[in-house]
All heavy atoms as atom14 arrays in JSON, in Angstrom:
{
  "sequence": "ITYFATSLLSFILVADKECMLMYVMLFGFYPIIQSGFDKIKISFIKI",
  "atom14_mask": [
    [1, 1, 1, 1, 1, 1, 1, 1, 0, 0, 0, 0, 0, 0],
    [1, 1, 1, 1, 1, 1, 1, 0, 0, 0, 0, 0, 0, 0],
    [1, 1, 1, 1, 1, 1, 1, 1, 1, 1, 1, 1, 0, 0],
    [1, 1, 1, 1, 1, 1, 1, 1, 1, 1, 1, 0, 0, 0],
    [1, 1, 1, 1, 1, 0, 0, 0, 0, 0, 0, 0, 0, 0],
    [1, 1, 1, 1, 1, 1, 1, 0, 0, 0, 0, 0, 0, 0],
    [1, 1, 1, 1, 1, 1, 0, 0, 0, 0, 0, 0, 0, 0],
    [1, 1, 1, 1, 1, 1, 1, 1, 0, 0, 0, 0, 0, 0],
    [1, 1, 1, 1, 1, 1, 1, 1, 0, 0, 0, 0, 0, 0],
    [1, 1, 1, 1, 1, 1, 0, 0, 0, 0, 0, 0, 0, 0],
    [1, 1, 1, 1, 1, 1, 1, 1, 1, 1, 1, 0, 0, 0],
    [1, 1, 1, 1, 1, 1, 1, 1, 0, 0, 0, 0, 0, 0],
    [1, 1, 1, 1, 1, 1, 1, 1, 0, 0, 0, 0, 0, 0],
    [1, 1, 1, 1, 1, 1, 1, 0, 0, 0, 0, 0, 0, 0],
    [1, 1, 1, 1, 1, 0, 0, 0, 0, 0, 0, 0, 0, 0],
    [1, 1, 1, 1, 1, 1, 1, 1, 0, 0, 0, 0, 0, 0],
    [1, 1, 1, 1, 1, 1, 1, 1, 1, 0, 0, 0, 0, 0],
    [1, 1, 1, 1, 1, 1, 1, 1, 1, 0, 0, 0, 0, 0],
    [1, 1, 1, 1, 1, 1, 0, 0, 0, 0, 0, 0, 0, 0],
    [1, 1, 1, 1, 1, 1, 1, 1, 0, 0, 0, 0, 0, 0],
    [1, 1, 1, 1, 1, 1, 1, 1, 0, 0, 0, 0, 0, 0],
    [1, 1, 1, 1, 1, 1, 1, 1, 0, 0, 0, 0, 0, 0],
    [1, 1, 1, 1, 1, 1, 1, 1, 1, 1, 1, 1, 0, 0],
    [1, 1, 1, 1, 1, 1, 1, 0, 0, 0, 0, 0, 0, 0],
    [1, 1, 1, 1, 1, 1, 1, 1, 0, 0, 0, 0, 0, 0],
    [1, 1, 1, 1, 1, 1, 1, 1, 0, 0, 0, 0, 0, 0],
    [1, 1, 1, 1, 1, 1, 1, 1, 1, 1, 1, 0, 0, 0],
    [1, 1, 1, 1, 0, 0, 0, 0, 0, 0, 0, 0, 0, 0],
    [1, 1, 1, 1, 1, 1, 1, 1, 1, 1, 1, 0, 0, 0],
    [1, 1, 1, 1, 1, 1, 1, 1, 1, 1, 1, 1, 0, 0],
    [1, 1, 1, 1, 1, 1, 1, 0, 0, 0, 0, 0, 0, 0],
    [1, 1, 1, 1, 1, 1, 1, 1, 0, 0, 0, 0, 0, 0],
    [1, 1, 1, 1, 1, 1, 1, 1, 0, 0, 0, 0, 0, 0],
    [1, 1, 1, 1, 1, 1, 1, 1, 1, 0, 0, 0, 0, 0],
    [1, 1, 1, 1, 1, 1, 0, 0, 0, 0, 0, 0, 0, 0],
    [1, 1, 1, 1, 0, 0, 0, 0, 0, 0, 0, 0, 0, 0],
    [1, 1, 1, 1, 1, 1, 1, 1, 1, 1, 1, 0, 0, 0],
    [1, 1, 1, 1, 1, 1, 1, 1, 0, 0, 0, 0, 0, 0],
    [1, 1, 1, 1, 1, 1, 1, 1, 1, 0, 0, 0, 0, 0],
    [1, 1, 1, 1, 1, 1, 1, 1, 0, 0, 0, 0, 0, 0],
    [1, 1, 1, 1, 1, 1, 1, 1, 1, 0, 0, 0, 0, 0],
    [1, 1, 1, 1, 1, 1, 1, 1, 0, 0, 0, 0, 0, 0],
    [1, 1, 1, 1, 1, 1, 0, 0, 0, 0, 0, 0, 0, 0],
    [1, 1, 1, 1, 1, 1, 1, 1, 1, 1, 1, 0, 0, 0],
    [1, 1, 1, 1, 1, 1, 1, 1, 0, 0, 0, 0, 0, 0],
    [1, 1, 1, 1, 1, 1, 1, 1, 1, 0, 0, 0, 0, 0],
    [1, 1, 1, 1, 1, 1, 1, 1, 0, 0, 0, 0, 0, 0]
  ],
  "atom14_positions": [
    [[77.44, 35.59, 125.72], [77.26, 36.86, 126.45], [77.38, 36.61, 127.95], [78.02, 37.38, 128.68], [75.93, 37.52, 126.07], [75.98, 38.03, 124.64], [75.56, 38.63, 127.04], [74.64, 38.45, 124.08], [0.0, 0.0, 0.0], [0.0, 0.0, 0.0], [0.0, 0.0, 0.0], [0.0, 0.0, 0.0], [0.0, 0.0, 0.0], [0.0, 0.0, 0.0]],
    [[76.76, 35.55, 128.43], [76.84, 35.23, 129.85], [78.27, 34.88, 130.25], [78.74, 35.29, 131.31], [75.9, 34.05, 130.18], [74.57, 34.43, 129.79], [75.92, 33.71, 131.65], [0.0, 0.0, 0.0], [0.0, 0.0, 0.0], [0.0, 0.0, 0.0], [0.0, 0.0, 0.0], [0.0, 0.0, 0.0], [0.0, 0.0, 0.0], [0.0, 0.0, 0.0]],
    [[78.96, 34.14, 129.39], [80.36, 33.79, 129.66], [81.2, 35.06, 129.78], [81.98, 35.22, 130.73], [80.9, 32.89, 128.56], [82.41, 32.86, 128.5], [83.15, 32.19, 129.47], [83.1, 33.55, 127.5], [84.53, 32.2, 129.42], [84.47, 33.57, 127.46], [85.18, 32.88, 128.43], [86.55, 32.88, 128.39], [0.0, 0.0, 0.0], [0.0, 0.0, 0.0]],
    [[81.05, 36.01, 128.84], [81.84, 37.24, 128.87], [81.5, 38.1, 130.09], [82.39, 38.66, 130.73], [81.68, 38.03, 127.59], [82.43, 37.43, 126.44], [81.73, 37.1, 125.28], [83.78, 37.19, 126.49], [82.4, 36.53, 124.2], [84.46, 36.63, 125.42], [83.77, 36.29, 124.28], [0.0, 0.0, 0.0], [0.0, 0.0, 0.0], [0.0, 0.0, 0.0]],
    [[80.22, 38.18, 130.43], [79.82, 38.97, 131.6], [80.35, 38.35, 132.89], [80.87, 39.05, 133.75], [78.28, 39.06, 131.67], [0.0, 0.0, 0.0], [0.0, 0.0, 0.0], [0.0, 0.0, 0.0], [0.0, 0.0, 0.0], [0.0, 0.0, 0.0], [0.0, 0.0, 0.0], [0.0, 0.0, 0.0], [0.0, 0.0, 0.0], [0.0, 0.0, 0.0]],
    [[80.25, 37.05, 133.01], [80.77, 36.35, 134.18], [82.3, 36.5, 134.26], [82.83, 36.71, 135.34], [80.39, 34.85, 134.14], [78.97, 34.76, 134.09], [80.9, 34.13, 135.38], [0.0, 0.0, 0.0], [0.0, 0.0, 0.0], [0.0, 0.0, 0.0], [0.0, 0.0, 0.0], [0.0, 0.0, 0.0], [0.0, 0.0, 0.0], [0.0, 0.0, 0.0]],
    [[82.96, 36.39, 133.12], [84.41, 36.54, 133.11], [84.83, 37.92, 133.58], [85.74, 38.06, 134.42], [84.96, 36.3, 131.71], [84.7, 34.99, 131.29], [0.0, 0.0, 0.0], [0.0, 0.0, 0.0], [0.0, 0.0, 0.0], [0.0, 0.0, 0.0], [0.0, 0.0, 0.0], [0.0, 0.0, 0.0], [0.0, 0.0, 0.0], [0.0, 0.0, 0.0]],
    [[84.17, 38.96, 133.08], [84.5, 40.32, 133.46], [84.25, 40.56, 134.95], [85.09, 41.09, 135.67], [83.72, 41.32, 132.62], [83.93, 42.78, 132.92], [85.38, 43.16, 132.6], [82.98, 43.65, 132.13], [0.0, 0.0, 0.0], [0.0, 0.0, 0.0], [0.0, 0.0, 0.0], [0.0, 0.0, 0.0], [0.0, 0.0, 0.0], [0.0, 0.0, 0.0]],
    [[83.07, 40.15, 135.41], [82.75, 40.33, 136.85], [83.67, 39.52, 137.73], [84.08, 39.97, 138.81], [81.3, 39.98, 137.1], [80.27, 40.98, 136.54], [78.85, 40.41, 136.66], [80.4, 42.31, 137.24], [0.0, 0.0, 0.0], [0.0, 0.0, 0.0], [0.0, 0.0, 0.0], [0.0, 0.0, 0.0], [0.0, 0.0, 0.0], [0.0, 0.0, 0.0]],
    [[84.04, 38.32, 137.3], [84.95, 37.5, 138.09], [86.33, 38.11, 138.17], [86.98, 38.08, 139.21], [85.07, 36.08, 137.5], [83.85, 35.41, 137.59], [0.0, 0.0, 0.0], [0.0, 0.0, 0.0], [0.0, 0.0, 0.0], [0.0, 0.0, 0.0], [0.0, 0.0, 0.0], [0.0, 0.0, 0.0], [0.0, 0.0, 0.0], [0.0, 0.0, 0.0]],
    [[86.76, 38.69, 137.05], [88.07, 39.33, 137.05], [88.11, 40.47, 138.04], [89.12, 40.7, 138.73], [88.39, 39.85, 135.65], [89.79, 40.38, 135.52], [90.87, 39.52, 135.42], [90.02, 41.75, 135.5], [92.15, 40.01, 135.32], [91.29, 42.26, 135.38], [92.37, 41.39, 135.31], [0.0, 0.0, 0.0], [0.0, 0.0, 0.0], [0.0, 0.0, 0.0]],
    [[87.0, 41.19, 138.16], [86.95, 42.34, 139.05], [86.68, 41.93, 140.52], [87.3, 42.45, 141.44], [85.86, 43.33, 138.59], [86.22, 43.91, 137.22], [85.65, 44.44, 139.6], [85.09, 44.66, 136.54], [0.0, 0.0, 0.0], [0.0, 0.0, 0.0], [0.0, 0.0, 0.0], [0.0, 0.0, 0.0], [0.0, 0.0, 0.0], [0.0, 0.0, 0.0]],
    [[85.77, 40.98, 140.72], [85.26, 40.7, 142.06], [85.84, 39.49, 142.78], [85.88, 39.46, 144.0], [83.73, 40.54, 141.99], [82.94, 41.75, 141.5], [81.47, 41.38, 141.3], [83.1, 42.91, 142.44], [0.0, 0.0, 0.0], [0.0, 0.0, 0.0], [0.0, 0.0, 0.0], [0.0, 0.0, 0.0], [0.0, 0.0, 0.0], [0.0, 0.0, 0.0]],
    [[86.29, 38.49, 142.03], [86.74, 37.25, 142.65], [88.19, 37.38, 143.09], [89.05, 37.72, 142.29], [86.54, 36.04, 141.7], [87.13, 34.78, 142.28], [85.07, 35.86, 141.4], [0.0, 0.0, 0.0], [0.0, 0.0, 0.0], [0.0, 0.0, 0.0], [0.0, 0.0, 0.0], [0.0, 0.0, 0.0], [0.0, 0.0, 0.0], [0.0, 0.0, 0.0]],
    [[88.43, 37.1, 144.36], [89.79, 37.27, 144.93], [90.74, 36.16, 144.47], [91.92, 36.43, 144.27], [89.7, 37.29, 146.44], [0.0, 0.0, 0.0], [0.0, 0.0, 0.0], [0.0, 0.0, 0.0], [0.0, 0.0, 0.0], [0.0, 0.0, 0.0], [0.0, 0.0, 0.0], [0.0, 0.0, 0.0], [0.0, 0.0, 0.0], [0.0, 0.0, 0.0]],
    [[90.26, 34.95, 144.31], [91.1, 33.83, 143.91], [91.35, 33.89, 142.41], [90.48, 33.51, 141.6], [90.44, 32.51, 144.3], [91.37, 31.33, 144.13], [92.36, 31.43, 143.37], [91.09, 30.28, 144.72], [0.0, 0.0, 0.0], [0.0, 0.0, 0.0], [0.0, 0.0, 0.0], [0.0, 0.0, 0.0], [0.0, 0.0, 0.0], [0.0, 0.0, 0.0]],
    [[92.51, 34.35, 142.03], [92.82, 34.55, 140.6], [93.0, 33.22, 139.86], [92.72, 33.14, 138.68], [94.07, 35.41, 140.45], [93.9, 36.82, 140.98], [92.68, 37.5, 140.37], [92.44, 38.87, 140.97], [91.12, 39.39, 140.68], [0.0, 0.0, 0.0], [0.0, 0.0, 0.0], [0.0, 0.0, 0.0], [0.0, 0.0, 0.0], [0.0, 0.0, 0.0]],
    [[93.41, 32.19, 140.56], [93.51, 30.88, 139.91], [92.14, 30.38, 139.52], [91.93, 29.89, 138.39], [94.22, 29.88, 140.82], [94.5, 28.56, 140.17], [95.36, 27.67, 141.04], [95.41, 27.89, 142.26], [95.97, 26.77, 140.47], [0.0, 0.0, 0.0], [0.0, 0.0, 0.0], [0.0, 0.0, 0.0], [0.0, 0.0, 0.0], [0.0, 0.0, 0.0]],
    [[91.19, 30.49, 140.42], [89.81, 30.09, 140.12], [89.25, 30.9, 138.96], [88.65, 30.34, 138.02], [88.96, 30.29, 141.38], [87.23, 29.85, 141.21], [0.0, 0.0, 0.0], [0.0, 0.0, 0.0], [0.0, 0.0, 0.0], [0.0, 0.0, 0.0], [0.0, 0.0, 0.0], [0.0, 0.0, 0.0], [0.0, 0.0, 0.0], [0.0, 0.0, 0.0]],
    [[89.48, 32.2, 139.0], [88.99, 33.08, 137.93], [89.59, 32.71, 136.58], [88.9, 32.61, 135.58], [89.3, 34.54, 138.29], [88.86, 35.58, 137.29], [90.06, 35.98, 136.01], [91.45, 36.54, 136.92], [0.0, 0.0, 0.0], [0.0, 0.0, 0.0], [0.0, 0.0, 0.0], [0.0, 0.0, 0.0], [0.0, 0.0, 0.0], [0.0, 0.0, 0.0]],
    [[90.9, 32.47, 136.55], [91.55, 32.13, 135.28], [91.13, 30.76, 134.75], [91.02, 30.57, 133.55], [93.08, 32.19, 135.43], [93.7, 33.57, 135.42], [95.19, 33.49, 135.66], [93.42, 34.29, 134.11], [0.0, 0.0, 0.0], [0.0, 0.0, 0.0], [0.0, 0.0, 0.0], [0.0, 0.0, 0.0], [0.0, 0.0, 0.0], [0.0, 0.0, 0.0]],
    [[90.88, 29.82, 135.67], [90.41, 28.51, 135.23], [89.05, 28.64, 134.53], [88.76, 27.93, 133.58], [90.33, 27.53, 136.39], [91.67, 27.15, 136.98], [92.79, 26.38, 135.8], [92.08, 24.77, 135.64], [0.0, 0.0, 0.0], [0.0, 0.0, 0.0], [0.0, 0.0, 0.0], [0.0, 0.0, 0.0], [0.0, 0.0, 0.0], [0.0, 0.0, 0.0]],
    [[88.23, 29.54, 135.02], [86.94, 29.77, 134.37], [87.11, 30.54, 133.05], [86.6, 30.12, 132.02], [85.98, 30.55, 135.28], [84.68, 30.88, 134.61], [83.68, 29.93, 134.5], [84.46, 32.12, 134.02], [82.49, 30.19, 133.85], [83.28, 32.41, 133.37], [82.31, 31.44, 133.28], [81.14, 31.71, 132.62], [0.0, 0.0, 0.0], [0.0, 0.0, 0.0]],
    [[87.82, 31.66, 133.11], [87.93, 32.54, 131.96], [88.64, 31.86, 130.78], [88.23, 31.97, 129.64], [88.66, 33.85, 132.34], [89.0, 34.69, 131.12], [87.82, 34.64, 133.32], [0.0, 0.0, 0.0], [0.0, 0.0, 0.0], [0.0, 0.0, 0.0], [0.0, 0.0, 0.0], [0.0, 0.0, 0.0], [0.0, 0.0, 0.0], [0.0, 0.0, 0.0]],
    [[89.71, 31.15, 131.08], [90.56, 30.61, 130.0], [90.27, 29.16, 129.67], [90.88, 28.64, 128.73], [92.02, 30.79, 130.36], [92.41, 32.25, 130.48], [94.14, 32.48, 130.81], [94.85, 31.92, 129.28], [0.0, 0.0, 0.0], [0.0, 0.0, 0.0], [0.0, 0.0, 0.0], [0.0, 0.0, 0.0], [0.0, 0.0, 0.0], [0.0, 0.0, 0.0]],
    [[89.36, 28.52, 130.39], [89.16, 27.09, 130.1], [87.73, 26.63, 130.31], [87.02, 26.36, 129.36], [90.12, 26.27, 130.96], [90.25, 24.82, 130.64], [90.71, 24.6, 129.2], [91.23, 24.16, 131.57], [0.0, 0.0, 0.0], [0.0, 0.0, 0.0], [0.0, 0.0, 0.0], [0.0, 0.0, 0.0], [0.0, 0.0, 0.0], [0.0, 0.0, 0.0]],
    [[87.32, 26.5, 131.54], [86.05, 25.82, 131.83], [84.82, 26.64, 131.55], [83.7, 26.11, 131.47], [86.05, 25.32, 133.26], [87.08, 24.26, 133.54], [88.08, 24.49, 134.46], [87.06, 23.07, 132.86], [89.06, 23.53, 134.71], [88.01, 22.1, 133.1], [89.03, 22.32, 134.03], [0.0, 0.0, 0.0], [0.0, 0.0, 0.0], [0.0, 0.0, 0.0]],
    [[84.94, 27.92, 131.4], [83.79, 28.76, 131.14], [83.29, 28.64, 129.72], [82.09, 28.58, 129.46], [0.0, 0.0, 0.0], [0.0, 0.0, 0.0], [0.0, 0.0, 0.0], [0.0, 0.0, 0.0], [0.0, 0.0, 0.0], [0.0, 0.0, 0.0], [0.0, 0.0, 0.0], [0.0, 0.0, 0.0], [0.0, 0.0, 0.0], [0.0, 0.0, 0.0]],
    [[84.21, 28.62, 128.76], [83.81, 28.55, 127.35], [83.81, 27.15, 126.78], [83.23, 26.9, 125.73], [84.65, 29.5, 126.5], [86.07, 29.06, 126.31], [86.4, 28.19, 125.28], [87.07, 29.5, 127.14], [87.71, 27.78, 125.1], [88.37, 29.11, 126.97], [88.68, 28.25, 125.93], [0.0, 0.0, 0.0], [0.0, 0.0, 0.0], [0.0, 0.0, 0.0]],
    [[84.48, 26.2, 127.43], [84.56, 24.86, 126.87], [83.21, 24.2, 126.62], [83.0, 23.59, 125.56], [85.44, 23.95, 127.75], [85.62, 22.6, 127.14], [86.45, 22.43, 126.03], [84.92, 21.49, 127.61], [86.59, 21.19, 125.43], [85.06, 20.27, 127.0], [85.89, 20.12, 125.92], [86.01, 18.9, 125.33], [0.0, 0.0, 0.0], [0.0, 0.0, 0.0]],
    [[82.22, 24.32, 127.53], [80.9, 23.73, 127.22], [80.24, 24.34, 125.98], [79.44, 23.69, 125.32], [80.08, 24.01, 128.49], [81.07, 24.15, 129.56], [82.26, 24.79, 128.92], [0.0, 0.0, 0.0], [0.0, 0.0, 0.0], [0.0, 0.0, 0.0], [0.0, 0.0, 0.0], [0.0, 0.0, 0.0], [0.0, 0.0, 0.0], [0.0, 0.0, 0.0]],
    [[80.57, 25.58, 125.66], [79.99, 26.23, 124.49], [80.61, 25.67, 123.21], [79.9, 25.49, 122.21], [80.17, 27.75, 124.58], [79.51, 28.29, 125.86], [79.57, 28.44, 123.36], [79.82, 29.76, 126.15], [0.0, 0.0, 0.0], [0.0, 0.0, 0.0], [0.0, 0.0, 0.0], [0.0, 0.0, 0.0], [0.0, 0.0, 0.0], [0.0, 0.0, 0.0]],
    [[81.91, 25.44, 123.23], [82.59, 24.98, 122.0], [82.75, 23.48, 121.89], [83.22, 22.98, 120.88], [83.97, 25.65, 121.87], [84.91, 25.21, 122.98], [83.87, 27.16, 121.84], [86.35, 25.57, 122.74], [0.0, 0.0, 0.0], [0.0, 0.0, 0.0], [0.0, 0.0, 0.0], [0.0, 0.0, 0.0], [0.0, 0.0, 0.0], [0.0, 0.0, 0.0]],
    [[82.35, 22.75, 122.93], [82.55, 21.29, 122.94], [81.91, 20.6, 121.75], [82.48, 19.67, 121.18], [82.01, 20.68, 124.24], [82.29, 19.2, 124.33], [81.52, 18.53, 125.45], [80.47, 19.03, 125.85], [82.04, 17.44, 125.94], [0.0, 0.0, 0.0], [0.0, 0.0, 0.0], [0.0, 0.0, 0.0], [0.0, 0.0, 0.0], [0.0, 0.0, 0.0]],
    [[80.75, 21.05, 121.32], [80.06, 20.4, 120.21], [80.85, 20.53, 118.91], [80.71, 19.71, 118.01], [78.66, 20.97, 120.03], [78.72, 22.35, 119.77], [0.0, 0.0, 0.0], [0.0, 0.0, 0.0], [0.0, 0.0, 0.0], [0.0, 0.0, 0.0], [0.0, 0.0, 0.0], [0.0, 0.0, 0.0], [0.0, 0.0, 0.0], [0.0, 0.0, 0.0]],
    [[81.68, 21.57, 118.81], [82.54, 21.71, 117.63], [83.58, 20.61, 117.54], [83.91, 20.15, 116.44], [0.0, 0.0, 0.0], [0.0, 0.0, 0.0], [0.0, 0.0, 0.0], [0.0, 0.0, 0.0], [0.0, 0.0, 0.0], [0.0, 0.0, 0.0], [0.0, 0.0, 0.0], [0.0, 0.0, 0.0], [0.0, 0.0, 0.0], [0.0, 0.0, 0.0]],
    [[84.07, 20.16, 118.69], [85.01, 19.04, 118.69], [84.35, 17.74, 118.29], [85.01, 16.84, 117.76], [85.66, 18.88, 120.07], [86.59, 19.99, 120.43], [86.3, 20.81, 121.51], [87.77, 20.21, 119.71], [87.15, 21.84, 121.87], [88.6, 21.24, 120.06], [88.32, 22.04, 121.13], [0.0, 0.0, 0.0], [0.0, 0.0, 0.0], [0.0, 0.0, 0.0]],
    [[83.09, 17.6, 118.58], [82.36, 16.38, 118.26], [82.19, 16.18, 116.77], [81.84, 15.08, 116.33], [81.01, 16.35, 118.97], [81.17, 16.25, 120.47], [82.21, 15.77, 120.94], [80.24, 16.66, 121.19], [0.0, 0.0, 0.0], [0.0, 0.0, 0.0], [0.0, 0.0, 0.0], [0.0, 0.0, 0.0], [0.0, 0.0, 0.0], [0.0, 0.0, 0.0]],
    [[82.45, 17.21, 115.98], [82.37, 17.06, 114.53], [83.57, 16.33, 113.96], [83.52, 15.87, 112.83], [82.26, 18.44, 113.88], [80.95, 19.15, 114.21], [80.88, 20.52, 113.64], [79.57, 21.19, 114.06], [79.51, 22.58, 113.66], [0.0, 0.0, 0.0], [0.0, 0.0, 0.0], [0.0, 0.0, 0.0], [0.0, 0.0, 0.0], [0.0, 0.0, 0.0]],
    [[84.63, 16.18, 114.74], [85.79, 15.38, 114.32], [85.38, 13.91, 114.42], [85.03, 13.43, 115.49], [87.03, 15.68, 115.2], [87.39, 17.16, 115.11], [88.18, 14.8, 114.81], [88.48, 17.59, 116.09], [0.0, 0.0, 0.0], [0.0, 0.0, 0.0], [0.0, 0.0, 0.0], [0.0, 0.0, 0.0], [0.0, 0.0, 0.0], [0.0, 0.0, 0.0]],
    [[85.43, 13.23, 113.29], [84.9, 11.86, 113.23], [85.81, 10.83, 113.91], [85.32, 9.89, 114.52], [84.68, 11.46, 111.77], [83.68, 12.33, 111.06], [82.3, 12.18, 111.63], [81.32, 13.05, 110.89], [80.11, 13.27, 111.6], [0.0, 0.0, 0.0], [0.0, 0.0, 0.0], [0.0, 0.0, 0.0], [0.0, 0.0, 0.0], [0.0, 0.0, 0.0]],
    [[87.13, 10.98, 113.77], [88.05, 9.99, 114.32], [88.26, 10.32, 115.8], [88.81, 11.37, 116.15], [89.39, 10.0, 113.54], [89.11, 9.75, 112.07], [90.34, 8.97, 114.11], [90.29, 9.99, 111.16], [0.0, 0.0, 0.0], [0.0, 0.0, 0.0], [0.0, 0.0, 0.0], [0.0, 0.0, 0.0], [0.0, 0.0, 0.0], [0.0, 0.0, 0.0]],
    [[87.83, 9.42, 116.67], [87.82, 9.71, 118.1], [89.23, 9.92, 118.67], [89.42, 10.73, 119.56], [87.09, 8.61, 118.88], [87.74, 7.37, 118.7], [0.0, 0.0, 0.0], [0.0, 0.0, 0.0], [0.0, 0.0, 0.0], [0.0, 0.0, 0.0], [0.0, 0.0, 0.0], [0.0, 0.0, 0.0], [0.0, 0.0, 0.0], [0.0, 0.0, 0.0]],
    [[90.23, 9.19, 118.17], [91.59, 9.36, 118.65], [92.09, 10.77, 118.37], [92.7, 11.41, 119.24], [92.52, 8.3, 118.0], [93.94, 8.44, 118.37], [94.38, 8.06, 119.64], [94.88, 8.97, 117.49], [95.69, 8.19, 120.01], [96.21, 9.1, 117.86], [96.61, 8.7, 119.12], [0.0, 0.0, 0.0], [0.0, 0.0, 0.0], [0.0, 0.0, 0.0]],
    [[91.84, 11.26, 117.19], [92.26, 12.62, 116.83], [91.49, 13.64, 117.64], [92.05, 14.64, 118.1], [92.1, 12.86, 115.32], [93.08, 11.95, 114.56], [92.3, 14.32, 114.97], [92.95, 12.02, 113.07], [0.0, 0.0, 0.0], [0.0, 0.0, 0.0], [0.0, 0.0, 0.0], [0.0, 0.0, 0.0], [0.0, 0.0, 0.0], [0.0, 0.0, 0.0]],
    [[90.2, 13.39, 117.87], [89.4, 14.3, 118.68], [89.97, 14.4, 120.1], [90.1, 15.51, 120.62], [87.95, 13.78, 118.71], [87.04, 14.64, 119.55], [85.59, 14.22, 119.55], [85.24, 12.85, 119.15], [83.82, 12.53, 119.27], [0.0, 0.0, 0.0], [0.0, 0.0, 0.0], [0.0, 0.0, 0.0], [0.0, 0.0, 0.0], [0.0, 0.0, 0.0]],
    [[90.33, 13.28, 120.7], [90.91, 13.3, 122.03], [92.25, 14.01, 122.07], [92.51, 14.83, 122.96], [91.04, 11.84, 122.57], [89.65, 11.26, 122.79], [91.87, 11.79, 123.86], [89.65, 9.78, 123.09], [0.0, 0.0, 0.0], [0.0, 0.0, 0.0], [0.0, 0.0, 0.0], [0.0, 0.0, 0.0], [0.0, 0.0, 0.0], [0.0, 0.0, 0.0]]
  ]
}
């Protein structure tokens, strides 16, 4: 919920669109889903 709210407000308020897109499309949600990648047992495949 916080990620979506921040994404929406950033899209509207933040002037630097590159910064906003880096958050919205990558770094904003990655910490939330990172633990899902850790379920992959073979580290080479995970990377």
